[in-house]
């Protein structure tokens, strides 16, 4: 195992859509940003990229590479809530197929 210690201003885990979007939105005055990604992007899928339907349409992502989340519920140990998002429809990207 390599015991090298790295120092950076921001460390982003995952080079999927969310990780790269965060990296792109960071201020230009940061000295060091590290984006870590496993050897194979999207495999094995531990998390999926998420974005908004209007972004999927703007980027021209084909049907079959994302799944709209029309019903959005949040659960905790003792509570449950339904989130009403109106026209703002989140989607989950099929990360391995998308890449």
PDB file of N, CA and C in Angstrom:
ATOM      1  N   UNK A   1       0.848  -1.182   0.000  1.00  0.00           N
ATOM      2  CA  UNK A   1       0.000   0.000   0.000  1.00  0.00           C
ATOM      3  C   UNK A   1       0.888   1.238   0.000  1.00  0.00           C
ATOM      4  N   UNK A   2       0.519   2.215  -0.786  1.00  0.00           N
ATOM      5  CA  UNK A   2       1.253   3.477  -0.869  1.00  0.00           C
ATOM      6  C   UNK A   2       0.808   4.380   0.277  1.00  0.00           C
ATOM      7  N   UNK A   3       1.762   4.852   1.064  1.00  0.00           N
ATOM      8  CA  UNK A   3       1.443   5.706   2.209  1.00  0.00           C
ATOM      9  C   UNK A   3       1.614   7.187   1.903  1.00  0.00           C
ATOM     10  N   UNK A   4       1.602   7.547   0.627  1.00  0.00           N
ATOM     11  CA  UNK A   4       1.760   8.942   0.230  1.00  0.00           C
ATOM     12  C   UNK A   4       0.602   9.770   0.768  1.00  0.00           C
ATOM     13  N   UNK A   5       0.920  10.922   1.313  1.00  0.00           N
ATOM     14  CA  UNK A   5      -0.106  11.846   1.812  1.00  0.00           C
ATOM     15  C   UNK A   5      -0.208  12.999   0.823  1.00  0.00           C
ATOM     16  N   UNK A   6      -1.407  13.227   0.345  1.00  0.00           N
ATOM     17  CA  UNK A   6      -1.664  14.319  -0.588  1.00  0.00           C
ATOM     18  C   UNK A   6      -2.369  15.448   0.135  1.00  0.00           C
ATOM     19  N   UNK A   7      -2.089  16.643  -0.275  1.00  0.00           N
ATOM     20  CA  UNK A   7      -2.756  17.814   0.277  1.00  0.00           C
ATOM     21  C   UNK A   7      -3.467  18.530  -0.860  1.00  0.00           C
ATOM     22  N   UNK A   8      -4.682  18.968  -0.595  1.00  0.00           N
ATOM     23  CA  UNK A   8      -5.432  19.668  -1.641  1.00  0.00           C
ATOM     24  C   UNK A   8      -6.443  20.610  -0.992  1.00  0.00           C
ATOM     25  N   UNK A   9      -6.975  21.518  -1.807  1.00  0.00           N
ATOM     26  CA  UNK A   9      -8.032  22.408  -1.338  1.00  0.00           C
ATOM     27  C   UNK A   9      -9.377  21.697  -1.316  1.00  0.00           C
ATOM     28  N   UNK A  10      -9.620  20.869  -2.344  1.00  0.00           N
ATOM     29  CA  UNK A  10     -10.892  20.142  -2.465  1.00  0.00           C
ATOM     30  C   UNK A  10     -10.589  18.735  -2.973  1.00  0.00           C
ATOM     31  N   UNK A  11     -11.209  17.736  -2.334  1.00  0.00           N
ATOM     32  CA  UNK A  11     -11.090  16.343  -2.757  1.00  0.00           C
ATOM     33  C   UNK A  11     -12.490  15.853  -3.104  1.00  0.00           C
ATOM     34  N   UNK A  12     -12.705  15.463  -4.353  1.00  0.00           N
ATOM     35  CA  UNK A  12     -14.016  15.015  -4.820  1.00  0.00           C
ATOM     36  C   UNK A  12     -13.936  13.521  -5.087  1.00  0.00           C
ATOM     37  N   UNK A  13     -14.840  12.763  -4.483  1.00  0.00           N
ATOM     38  CA  UNK A  13     -14.885  11.328  -4.691  1.00  0.00           C
ATOM     39  C   UNK A  13     -15.923  11.033  -5.761  1.00  0.00           C
ATOM     40  N   UNK A  14     -15.459  10.564  -6.903  1.00  0.00           N
ATOM     41  CA  UNK A  14     -16.343  10.202  -8.005  1.00  0.00           C
ATOM     42  C   UNK A  14     -16.249  11.181  -9.156  1.00  0.00           C
ATOM     43  N   UNK A  15     -15.947  10.654 -10.338  1.00  0.00           N
ATOM     44  CA  UNK A  15     -15.832  11.481 -11.533  1.00  0.00           C
ATOM     45  C   UNK A  15     -17.042  11.307 -12.437  1.00  0.00           C
ATOM     46  N   UNK A  16     -18.187  11.018 -11.814  1.00  0.00           N
ATOM     47  CA  UNK A  16     -19.427  10.937 -12.578  1.00  0.00           C
ATOM     48  C   UNK A  16     -19.973  12.331 -12.822  1.00  0.00           C
ATOM     49  N   UNK A  17     -21.202  12.419 -13.298  1.00  0.00           N
ATOM     50  CA  UNK A  17     -21.785  13.720 -13.620  1.00  0.00           C
ATOM     51  C   UNK A  17     -21.766  14.712 -12.455  1.00  0.00           C
ATOM     52  N   UNK A  18     -22.073  14.239 -11.262  1.00  0.00           N
ATOM     53  CA  UNK A  18     -22.117  15.146 -10.113  1.00  0.00           C
ATOM     54  C   UNK A  18     -20.718  15.604  -9.724  1.00  0.00           C
ATOM     55  N   UNK A  19     -19.773  14.670  -9.617  1.00  0.00           N
ATOM     56  CA  UNK A  19     -18.415  15.031  -9.231  1.00  0.00           C
ATOM     57  C   UNK A  19     -17.775  16.004 -10.197  1.00  0.00           C
ATOM     58  N   UNK A  20     -17.933  15.760 -11.503  1.00  0.00           N
ATOM     59  CA  UNK A  20     -17.342  16.665 -12.493  1.00  0.00           C
ATOM     60  C   UNK A  20     -18.062  18.010 -12.527  1.00  0.00           C
ATOM     61  N   UNK A  21     -19.371  18.017 -12.268  1.00  0.00           N
ATOM     62  CA  UNK A  21     -20.100  19.286 -12.205  1.00  0.00           C
ATOM     63  C   UNK A  21     -19.622  20.123 -11.033  1.00  0.00           C
ATOM     64  N   UNK A  22     -19.392  19.466  -9.898  1.00  0.00           N
ATOM     65  CA  UNK A  22     -18.873  20.182  -8.732  1.00  0.00           C
ATOM     66  C   UNK A  22     -17.495  20.750  -9.044  1.00  0.00           C
ATOM     67  N   UNK A  23     -16.625  19.941  -9.642  1.00  0.00           N
ATOM     68  CA  UNK A  23     -15.279  20.399  -9.976  1.00  0.00           C
ATOM     69  C   UNK A  23     -15.321  21.592 -10.927  1.00  0.00           C
ATOM     70  N   UNK A  24     -16.199  21.545 -11.912  1.00  0.00           N
ATOM     71  CA  UNK A  24     -16.296  22.633 -12.891  1.00  0.00           C
ATOM     72  C   UNK A  24     -16.815  23.922 -12.275  1.00  0.00           C
ATOM     73  N   UNK A  25     -17.598  23.813 -11.210  1.00  0.00           N
ATOM     74  CA  UNK A  25     -18.201  24.996 -10.594  1.00  0.00           C
ATOM     75  C   UNK A  25     -17.334  25.623  -9.498  1.00  0.00           C
ATOM     76  N   UNK A  26     -16.200  25.014  -9.183  1.00  0.00           N
ATOM     77  CA  UNK A  26     -15.343  25.544  -8.117  1.00  0.00           C
ATOM     78  C   UNK A  26     -14.672  26.841  -8.551  1.00  0.00           C
ATOM     79  N   UNK A  27     -14.332  27.692  -7.595  1.00  0.00           N
ATOM     80  CA  UNK A  27     -13.659  28.958  -7.926  1.00  0.00           C
ATOM     81  C   UNK A  27     -12.289  28.715  -8.561  1.00  0.00           C
ATOM     82  N   UNK A  28     -11.885  29.623  -9.443  1.00  0.00           N
ATOM     83  CA  UNK A  28     -10.610  29.496 -10.151  1.00  0.00           C
ATOM     84  C   UNK A  28      -9.395  29.701  -9.251  1.00  0.00           C
ATOM     85  N   UNK A  29      -9.571  30.285  -8.085  1.00  0.00           N
ATOM     86  CA  UNK A  29      -8.417  30.597  -7.240  1.00  0.00           C
ATOM     87  C   UNK A  29      -7.963  29.432  -6.362  1.00  0.00           C
ATOM     88  N   UNK A  30      -8.575  28.259  -6.492  1.00  0.00           N
ATOM     89  CA  UNK A  30      -8.119  27.095  -5.728  1.00  0.00           C
ATOM     90  C   UNK A  30      -6.815  26.576  -6.325  1.00  0.00           C
ATOM     91  N   UNK A  31      -5.881  26.224  -5.467  1.00  0.00           N
ATOM     92  CA  UNK A  31      -4.581  25.755  -5.950  1.00  0.00           C
ATOM     93  C   UNK A  31      -4.632  24.303  -6.421  1.00  0.00           C
ATOM     94  N   UNK A  32      -5.313  23.438  -5.654  1.00  0.00           N
ATOM     95  CA  UNK A  32      -5.302  22.014  -5.984  1.00  0.00           C
ATOM     96  C   UNK A  32      -6.676  21.405  -5.760  1.00  0.00           C
ATOM     97  N   UNK A  33      -7.199  20.752  -6.799  1.00  0.00           N
ATOM     98  CA  UNK A  33      -8.446  20.001  -6.718  1.00  0.00           C
ATOM     99  C   UNK A  33      -8.136  18.582  -7.184  1.00  0.00           C
ATOM    100  N   UNK A  34      -8.505  17.600  -6.389  1.00  0.00           N
ATOM    101  CA  UNK A  34      -8.309  16.200  -6.770  1.00  0.00           C
ATOM    102  C   UNK A  34      -9.686  15.578  -6.977  1.00  0.00           C
ATOM    103  N   UNK A  35      -9.873  14.936  -8.144  1.00  0.00           N
ATOM    104  CA  UNK A  35     -11.087  14.175  -8.427  1.00  0.00           C
ATOM    105  C   UNK A  35     -10.667  12.713  -8.495  1.00  0.00           C
ATOM    106  N   UNK A  36     -11.169  11.899  -7.570  1.00  0.00           N
ATOM    107  CA  UNK A  36     -10.798  10.487  -7.510  1.00  0.00           C
ATOM    108  C   UNK A  36     -11.872   9.642  -8.190  1.00  0.00           C
ATOM    109  N   UNK A  37     -11.428   8.694  -9.006  1.00  0.00           N
ATOM    110  CA  UNK A  37     -12.347   7.772  -9.657  1.00  0.00           C
ATOM    111  C   UNK A  37     -11.727   6.385  -9.662  1.00  0.00           C
ATOM    112  N   UNK A  38     -12.537   5.346  -9.440  1.00  0.00           N
ATOM    113  CA  UNK A  38     -12.060   3.971  -9.560  1.00  0.00           C
ATOM    114  C   UNK A  38     -11.598   3.718 -10.988  1.00  0.00           C
ATOM    115  N   UNK A  39     -10.987   2.577 -11.227  1.00  0.00           N
ATOM    116  CA  UNK A  39     -10.433   2.261 -12.553  1.00  0.00           C
ATOM    117  C   UNK A  39     -11.489   2.263 -13.649  1.00  0.00           C
ATOM    118  N   UNK A  40     -12.663   1.713 -13.369  1.00  0.00           N
ATOM    119  CA  UNK A  40     -13.721   1.643 -14.373  1.00  0.00           C
ATOM    120  C   UNK A  40     -14.848   2.581 -13.961  1.00  0.00           C
ATOM    121  N   UNK A  41     -15.125   3.552 -14.795  1.00  0.00           N
ATOM    122  CA  UNK A  41     -16.177   4.508 -14.487  1.00  0.00           C
ATOM    123  C   UNK A  41     -17.520   3.797 -14.489  1.00  0.00           C
ATOM    124  N   UNK A  42     -18.242   3.941 -13.400  1.00  0.00           N
ATOM    125  CA  UNK A  42     -19.593   3.409 -13.303  1.00  0.00           C
ATOM    126  C   UNK A  42     -19.692   1.942 -12.957  1.00  0.00           C
ATOM    127  N   UNK A  43     -18.579   1.231 -12.836  1.00  0.00           N
ATOM    128  CA  UNK A  43     -18.630  -0.191 -12.522  1.00  0.00           C
ATOM    129  C   UNK A  43     -17.757  -0.480 -11.315  1.00  0.00           C
ATOM    130  N   UNK A  44     -18.161  -1.168 -10.318  1.00  0.00           N
ATOM    131  CA  UNK A  44     -19.556  -1.529 -10.093  1.00  0.00           C
ATOM    132  C   UNK A  44     -20.343  -0.305  -9.640  1.00  0.00           C
ATOM    133  N   UNK A  45     -21.586  -0.241 -10.004  1.00  0.00           N
ATOM    134  CA  UNK A  45     -22.397   0.928  -9.663  1.00  0.00           C
ATOM    135  C   UNK A  45     -22.705   0.900  -8.174  1.00  0.00           C
ATOM    136  N   UNK A  46     -22.193   1.884  -7.456  1.00  0.00           N
ATOM    137  CA  UNK A  46     -22.497   2.026  -6.042  1.00  0.00           C
ATOM    138  C   UNK A  46     -23.459   3.194  -5.852  1.00  0.00           C
ATOM    139  N   UNK A  47     -23.330   4.172  -6.694  1.00  0.00           N
ATOM    140  CA  UNK A  47     -24.251   5.297  -6.690  1.00  0.00           C
ATOM    141  C   UNK A  47     -24.542   5.633  -8.139  1.00  0.00           C
ATOM    142  N   UNK A  48     -25.584   6.360  -8.362  1.00  0.00           N
ATOM    143  CA  UNK A  48     -25.938   6.771  -9.709  1.00  0.00           C
ATOM    144  C   UNK A  48     -25.936   8.286  -9.790  1.00  0.00           C
ATOM    145  N   UNK A  49     -25.564   8.781 -10.939  1.00  0.00           N
ATOM    146  CA  UNK A  49     -25.612  10.215 -11.154  1.00  0.00           C
ATOM    147  C   UNK A  49     -27.050  10.683 -11.224  1.00  0.00           C
ATOM    148  N   UNK A  50     -27.287  11.855 -10.726  1.00  0.00           N
ATOM    149  CA  UNK A  50     -28.628  12.428 -10.773  1.00  0.00           C
ATOM    150  C   UNK A  50     -28.540  13.849 -11.303  1.00  0.00           C
ATOM    151  N   UNK A  51     -29.551  14.259 -12.006  1.00  0.00           N
ATOM    152  CA  UNK A  51     -29.638  15.638 -12.471  1.00  0.00           C
ATOM    153  C   UNK A  51     -31.108  15.947 -12.715  1.00  0.00           C
ATOM    154  N   UNK A  52     -31.383  16.979 -13.450  1.00  0.00           N
ATOM    155  CA  UNK A  52     -32.759  17.414 -13.691  1.00  0.00           C
ATOM    156  C   UNK A  52     -33.166  17.111 -15.122  1.00  0.00           C
ATOM    157  N   UNK A  53     -34.457  16.880 -15.325  1.00  0.00           N
ATOM    158  CA  UNK A  53     -34.988  16.544 -16.649  1.00  0.00           C
ATOM    159  C   UNK A  53     -34.627  17.609 -17.677  1.00  0.00           C
ATOM    160  N   UNK A  54     -34.695  18.896 -17.306  1.00  0.00           N
ATOM    161  CA  UNK A  54     -34.392  19.935 -18.283  1.00  0.00           C
ATOM    162  C   UNK A  54     -32.925  19.870 -18.728  1.00  0.00           C
ATOM    163  N   UNK A  55     -32.015  19.433 -17.834  1.00  0.00           N
ATOM    164  CA  UNK A  55     -30.610  19.281 -18.216  1.00  0.00           C
ATOM    165  C   UNK A  55     -30.417  18.097 -19.150  1.00  0.00           C
ATOM    166  N   UNK A  56     -31.130  16.996 -18.886  1.00  0.00           N
ATOM    167  CA  UNK A  56     -31.074  15.825 -19.757  1.00  0.00           C
ATOM    168  C   UNK A  56     -31.541  16.205 -21.163  1.00  0.00           C
ATOM    169  N   UNK A  57     -32.626  16.958 -21.245  1.00  0.00           N
ATOM    170  CA  UNK A  57     -33.144  17.397 -22.551  1.00  0.00           C
ATOM    171  C   UNK A  57     -32.152  18.330 -23.248  1.00  0.00           C
ATOM    172  N   UNK A  58     -31.584  19.277 -22.497  1.00  0.00           N
ATOM    173  CA  UNK A  58     -30.635  20.233 -23.076  1.00  0.00           C
ATOM    174  C   UNK A  58     -29.381  19.534 -23.590  1.00  0.00           C
ATOM    175  N   UNK A  59     -28.932  18.493 -22.878  1.00  0.00           N
ATOM    176  CA  UNK A  59     -27.735  17.759 -23.279  1.00  0.00           C
ATOM    177  C   UNK A  59     -28.009  16.704 -24.346  1.00  0.00           C
ATOM    178  N   UNK A  60     -29.283  16.443 -24.624  1.00  0.00           N
ATOM    179  CA  UNK A  60     -29.626  15.463 -25.657  1.00  0.00           C
ATOM    180  C   UNK A  60     -29.357  14.030 -25.246  1.00  0.00           C
ATOM    181  N   UNK A  61     -29.472  13.729 -23.959  1.00  0.00           N
ATOM    182  CA  UNK A  61     -29.249  12.361 -23.490  1.00  0.00           C
ATOM    183  C   UNK A  61     -30.432  11.506 -23.940  1.00  0.00           C
ATOM    184  N   UNK A  62     -30.159  10.412 -24.673  1.00  0.00           N
ATOM    185  CA  UNK A  62     -31.246   9.591 -25.221  1.00  0.00           C
ATOM    186  C   UNK A  62     -32.080   8.890 -24.157  1.00  0.00           C
ATOM    187  N   UNK A  63     -33.358   8.649 -24.498  1.00  0.00           N
ATOM    188  CA  UNK A  63     -34.226   7.851 -23.631  1.00  0.00           C
ATOM    189  C   UNK A  63     -33.540   6.511 -23.378  1.00  0.00           C
ATOM    190  N   UNK A  64     -33.771   5.934 -22.229  1.00  0.00           N
ATOM    191  CA  UNK A  64     -33.164   4.658 -21.880  1.00  0.00           C
ATOM    192  C   UNK A  64     -31.871   4.814 -21.096  1.00  0.00           C
ATOM    193  N   UNK A  65     -31.317   6.039 -21.061  1.00  0.00           N
ATOM    194  CA  UNK A  65     -30.097   6.281 -20.300  1.00  0.00           C
ATOM    195  C   UNK A  65     -30.381   7.041 -19.003  1.00  0.00           C
ATOM    196  N   UNK A  66     -31.644   7.261 -18.712  1.00  0.00           N
ATOM    197  CA  UNK A  66     -32.032   7.927 -17.477  1.00  0.00           C
ATOM    198  C   UNK A  66     -33.433   7.482 -17.089  1.00  0.00           C
ATOM    199  N   UNK A  67     -33.763   7.664 -15.810  1.00  0.00           N
ATOM    200  CA  UNK A  67     -35.097   7.308 -15.319  1.00  0.00           C
ATOM    201  C   UNK A  67     -35.638   8.482 -14.513  1.00  0.00           C
ATOM    202  N   UNK A  68     -36.744   9.076 -14.960  1.00  0.00           N
ATOM    203  CA  UNK A  68     -37.358  10.171 -14.198  1.00  0.00           C
ATOM    204  C   UNK A  68     -37.880   9.664 -12.849  1.00  0.00           C
ATOM    205  N   UNK A  69     -37.757  10.486 -11.843  1.00  0.00           N
ATOM    206  CA  UNK A  69     -38.294  10.164 -10.520  1.00  0.00           C
ATOM    207  C   UNK A  69     -39.542  11.011 -10.324  1.00  0.00           C
ATOM    208  N   UNK A  70     -40.673  10.459 -10.674  1.00  0.00           N
ATOM    209  CA  UNK A  70     -41.916  11.213 -10.632  1.00  0.00           C
ATOM    210  C   UNK A  70     -42.509  11.261  -9.216  1.00  0.00           C
ATOM    211  N   UNK A  71     -42.192  10.273  -8.407  1.00  0.00           N
ATOM    212  CA  UNK A  71     -42.649  10.255  -7.010  1.00  0.00           C
ATOM    213  C   UNK A  71     -41.398  10.278  -6.141  1.00  0.00           C
ATOM    214  N   UNK A  72     -41.264  11.280  -5.328  1.00  0.00           N
ATOM    215  CA  UNK A  72     -40.058  11.477  -4.534  1.00  0.00           C
ATOM    216  C   UNK A  72     -40.412  11.456  -3.060  1.00  0.00           C
ATOM    217  N   UNK A  73     -39.953  10.425  -2.374  1.00  0.00           N
ATOM    218  CA  UNK A  73     -40.230  10.273  -0.958  1.00  0.00           C
ATOM    219  C   UNK A  73     -38.918  10.227  -0.181  1.00  0.00           C
ATOM    220  N   UNK A  74     -38.942  10.783   1.008  1.00  0.00           N
ATOM    221  CA  UNK A  74     -37.798  10.771   1.906  1.00  0.00           C
ATOM    222  C   UNK A  74     -38.212  10.025   3.162  1.00  0.00           C
ATOM    223  N   UNK A  75     -37.359   9.100   3.618  1.00  0.00           N
ATOM    224  CA  UNK A  75     -37.662   8.295   4.796  1.00  0.00           C
ATOM    225  C   UNK A  75     -36.562   8.446   5.832  1.00  0.00           C
ATOM    226  N   UNK A  76     -36.951   8.482   7.094  1.00  0.00           N
ATOM    227  CA  UNK A  76     -36.016   8.359   8.205  1.00  0.00           C
ATOM    228  C   UNK A  76     -36.550   7.243   9.094  1.00  0.00           C
ATOM    229  N   UNK A  77     -35.943   7.048  10.242  1.00  0.00           N
ATOM    230  CA  UNK A  77     -36.396   5.964  11.125  1.00  0.00           C
ATOM    231  C   UNK A  77     -37.865   6.099  11.522  1.00  0.00           C
ATOM    232  N   UNK A  78     -38.321   7.343  11.751  1.00  0.00           N
ATOM    233  CA  UNK A  78     -39.681   7.518  12.267  1.00  0.00           C
ATOM    234  C   UNK A  78     -40.552   8.443  11.425  1.00  0.00           C
ATOM    235  N   UNK A  79     -40.015   8.959  10.343  1.00  0.00           N
ATOM    236  CA  UNK A  79     -40.761   9.930   9.545  1.00  0.00           C
ATOM    237  C   UNK A  79     -40.725   9.563   8.066  1.00  0.00           C
ATOM    238  N   UNK A  80     -41.683  10.115   7.337  1.00  0.00           N
ATOM    239  CA  UNK A  80     -41.760   9.935   5.894  1.00  0.00           C
ATOM    240  C   UNK A  80     -42.335  11.217   5.309  1.00  0.00           C
ATOM    241  N   UNK A  81     -41.812  11.652   4.181  1.00  0.00           N
ATOM    242  CA  UNK A  81     -42.332  12.857   3.551  1.00  0.00           C
ATOM    243  C   UNK A  81     -42.359  12.668   2.036  1.00  0.00           C
ATOM    244  N   UNK A  82     -43.379  13.198   1.400  1.00  0.00           N
ATOM    245  CA  UNK A  82     -43.491  13.220  -0.050  1.00  0.00           C
ATOM    246  C   UNK A  82     -43.066  14.605  -0.518  1.00  0.00           C
ATOM    247  N   UNK A  83     -42.113  14.658  -1.427  1.00  0.00           N
ATOM    248  CA  UNK A  83     -41.614  15.937  -1.931  1.00  0.00           C
ATOM    249  C   UNK A  83     -42.341  16.299  -3.214  1.00  0.00           C
ATOM    250  N   UNK A  84     -42.993  17.428  -3.225  1.00  0.00           N
ATOM    251  CA  UNK A  84     -43.651  17.940  -4.413  1.00  0.00           C
ATOM    252  C   UNK A  84     -42.672  18.858  -5.138  1.00  0.00           C
ATOM    253  N   UNK A  85     -42.240  18.484  -6.328  1.00  0.00           N
ATOM    254  CA  UNK A  85     -41.232  19.249  -7.049  1.00  0.00           C
ATOM    255  C   UNK A  85     -41.799  20.022  -8.231  1.00  0.00           C
ATOM    256  N   UNK A  86     -43.074  19.895  -8.487  1.00  0.00           N
ATOM    257  CA  UNK A  86     -43.684  20.631  -9.595  1.00  0.00           C
ATOM    258  C   UNK A  86     -43.062  20.247 -10.931  1.00  0.00           C
ATOM    259  N   UNK A  87     -42.625  21.236 -11.676  1.00  0.00           N
ATOM    260  CA  UNK A  87     -42.037  20.992 -12.995  1.00  0.00           C
ATOM    261  C   UNK A  87     -40.573  20.568 -12.924  1.00  0.00           C
ATOM    262  N   UNK A  88     -39.973  20.646 -11.751  1.00  0.00           N
ATOM    263  CA  UNK A  88     -38.569  20.277 -11.574  1.00  0.00           C
ATOM    264  C   UNK A  88     -38.484  18.775 -11.330  1.00  0.00           C
ATOM    265  N   UNK A  89     -38.294  17.986 -12.398  1.00  0.00           N
ATOM    266  CA  UNK A  89     -38.289  16.531 -12.285  1.00  0.00           C
ATOM    267  C   UNK A  89     -36.843  16.041 -12.234  1.00  0.00           C
ATOM    268  N   UNK A  90     -36.440  15.413 -11.111  1.00  0.00           N
ATOM    269  CA  UNK A  90     -35.095  14.838 -11.064  1.00  0.00           C
ATOM    270  C   UNK A  90     -35.057  13.528 -11.850  1.00  0.00           C
ATOM    271  N   UNK A  91     -33.892  13.193 -12.357  1.00  0.00           N
ATOM    272  CA  UNK A  91     -33.700  11.931 -13.061  1.00  0.00           C
ATOM    273  C   UNK A  91     -32.451  11.251 -12.503  1.00  0.00           C
ATOM    274  N   UNK A  92     -32.438   9.933 -12.561  1.00  0.00           N
ATOM    275  CA  UNK A  92     -31.263   9.141 -12.216  1.00  0.00           C
ATOM    276  C   UNK A  92     -30.670   8.646 -13.528  1.00  0.00           C
ATOM    277  N   UNK A  93     -29.387   8.903 -13.714  1.00  0.00           N
ATOM    278  CA  UNK A  93     -28.698   8.495 -14.932  1.00  0.00           C
ATOM    279  C   UNK A  93     -28.230   7.050 -14.819  1.00  0.00           C
ATOM    280  N   UNK A  94     -28.297   6.304 -15.920  1.00  0.00           N
ATOM    281  CA  UNK A  94     -27.718   4.973 -15.996  1.00  0.00           C
ATOM    282  C   UNK A  94     -26.233   5.179 -16.292  1.00  0.00           C
ATOM    283  N   UNK A  95     -25.447   5.351 -15.245  1.00  0.00           N
ATOM    284  CA  UNK A  95     -24.061   5.782 -15.376  1.00  0.00           C
ATOM    285  C   UNK A  95     -23.224   4.876 -16.280  1.00  0.00           C
ATOM    286  N   UNK A  96     -23.229   3.538 -16.122  1.00  0.00           N
ATOM    287  CA  UNK A  96     -22.390   2.719 -17.005  1.00  0.00           C
ATOM    288  C   UNK A  96     -22.758   2.857 -18.486  1.00  0.00           C
ATOM    289  N   UNK A  97     -24.044   2.860 -18.797  1.00  0.00           N
ATOM    290  CA  UNK A  97     -24.462   3.009 -20.200  1.00  0.00           C
ATOM    291  C   UNK A  97     -24.151   4.406 -20.733  1.00  0.00           C
ATOM    292  N   UNK A  98     -24.312   5.410 -19.893  1.00  0.00           N
ATOM    293  CA  UNK A  98     -24.080   6.783 -20.321  1.00  0.00           C
ATOM    294  C   UNK A  98     -22.621   6.994 -20.711  1.00  0.00           C
ATOM    295  N   UNK A  99     -21.705   6.417 -19.921  1.00  0.00           N
ATOM    296  CA  UNK A  99     -20.283   6.563 -20.251  1.00  0.00           C
ATOM    297  C   UNK A  99     -19.908   5.690 -21.414  1.00  0.00           C
TER     298      UNK A  99
END
